[in-house]
Amino acid sequence: MRLKGIKSIIDANLFLDGYLKRHNERFSIEAAEKEDMHRPLAEDFDIDGVLCVKTRRALRNDFTVAHNKKLYQILEPANTKDVVVE
């Protein structure tokens, strides 16, 4: 987009409308099977827990956890030094 002289979001969106059509025509391919091959998930399967980012953080003495420059308060006392933030 820089080479096209695009400097605003409005111009970028207008450019992308045409560009994405050409890109998809060039690089997309048809699926080998037309049938939907997805399997249903079990009712008790926690997809959000599987697909989230998990990071280990230290639990402070005042039951707070620092994450992404913010402090979060743990409401119930916990007897641990580390917690996993999801």
Protein backbone atom coordinates (compact mmCIF):
# COMPACT_ATOMS: atom_id res chain seq x y z
CA MET A 1 0.00 0.00 0.00
CA ARG A 2 2.94 2.29 0.60
CA LEU A 3 3.97 1.85 -3.03
CA LYS A 4 0.46 2.91 -4.09
CA GLY A 5 0.72 6.10 -1.99
CA ILE A 6 -2.06 5.12 0.39
CA LYS A 7 -1.95 7.20 3.56
CA SER A 8 -5.41 6.97 5.10
CA ILE A 9 -7.62 4.19 6.39
CA ILE A 10 -10.37 5.13 3.93
CA ASP A 11 -7.98 4.83 0.97
CA ALA A 12 -6.61 1.58 2.37
CA ASN A 13 -10.08 0.05 2.66
CA LEU A 14 -10.90 1.05 -0.91
CA PHE A 15 -7.64 -0.47 -2.13
CA LEU A 16 -8.20 -3.69 -0.21
CA ASP A 17 -11.64 -4.26 -1.75
CA GLY A 18 -10.08 -4.71 -5.17
CA TYR A 19 -6.81 -6.24 -4.01
CA LEU A 20 -8.39 -9.03 -1.99
CA LYS A 21 -10.54 -10.10 -4.95
CA ARG A 22 -7.45 -10.40 -7.17
CA HIS A 23 -5.47 -12.12 -4.40
CA ASN A 24 -8.18 -14.69 -3.76
CA GLU A 25 -8.62 -15.41 -7.47
CA ARG A 26 -4.89 -16.02 -7.79
CA PHE A 27 -4.19 -18.06 -4.67
CA SER A 28 -7.42 -19.80 -3.64
CA ILE A 29 -8.04 -23.44 -4.50
CA GLU A 30 -11.15 -25.57 -4.28
CA ALA A 31 -11.39 -28.07 -1.45
CA ALA A 32 -10.75 -31.69 -2.42
CA GLU A 33 -13.98 -32.73 -0.69
CA LYS A 34 -17.14 -30.63 -0.69
CA GLU A 35 -18.45 -32.40 2.40
CA ASP A 36 -18.05 -30.71 5.80
CA MET A 37 -15.50 -32.88 7.62
CA HIS A 38 -15.78 -31.14 11.03
CA ARG A 39 -16.73 -33.37 13.93
CA PRO A 40 -19.05 -32.10 16.67
CA LEU A 41 -17.46 -31.32 20.03
CA ALA A 42 -18.45 -33.13 23.18
CA GLU A 43 -20.77 -31.06 25.37
CA ASP A 44 -18.25 -30.87 28.22
CA PHE A 45 -15.30 -29.91 25.97
CA ASP A 46 -13.87 -26.47 26.91
CA ILE A 47 -12.83 -25.04 23.54
CA ASP A 48 -12.11 -21.60 25.05
CA GLY A 49 -9.71 -23.18 27.54
CA VAL A 50 -7.86 -25.00 24.78
CA LEU A 51 -7.56 -22.09 22.35
CA CYS A 52 -6.53 -19.39 24.84
CA VAL A 53 -3.07 -18.06 25.65
CA LYS A 54 -1.90 -19.19 29.09
CA THR A 55 0.86 -17.40 30.98
CA ARG A 56 2.26 -18.13 34.42
CA ARG A 57 2.41 -15.14 36.78
CA ALA A 58 3.55 -14.65 40.37
CA LEU A 59 0.86 -14.10 42.96
CA ARG A 60 1.82 -11.13 45.14
CA ASN A 61 1.40 -10.94 48.91
CA ASP A 62 -1.67 -8.70 48.51
CA PHE A 63 -3.32 -11.33 46.24
CA THR A 64 -2.80 -9.37 43.05
CA VAL A 65 -1.42 -10.55 39.71
CA ALA A 66 0.33 -8.29 37.19
CA HIS A 67 -0.55 -8.97 33.55
CA ASN A 68 -0.11 -6.65 30.53
CA LYS A 69 0.74 -3.68 32.75
CA LYS A 70 -2.45 -4.11 34.80
CA LEU A 71 -3.06 -5.48 38.27
CA TYR A 72 -5.81 -8.02 38.91
CA GLN A 73 -7.14 -8.80 42.37
CA ILE A 74 -7.70 -12.42 43.40
CA LEU A 75 -10.90 -12.36 45.43
CA GLU A 76 -10.41 -15.60 47.36
CA PRO A 77 -7.18 -16.19 49.29
CA ALA A 78 -4.96 -18.79 47.65
CA ASN A 79 -2.08 -20.72 49.14
CA THR A 80 0.20 -20.62 46.11
CA LYS A 81 3.04 -18.56 44.67
CA ASP A 82 2.10 -18.81 40.99
CA VAL A 83 -1.12 -18.60 39.00
CA VAL A 84 -1.93 -19.25 35.36
CA VAL A 85 -3.63 -16.37 33.57
CA GLU A 86 -5.81 -17.40 30.63
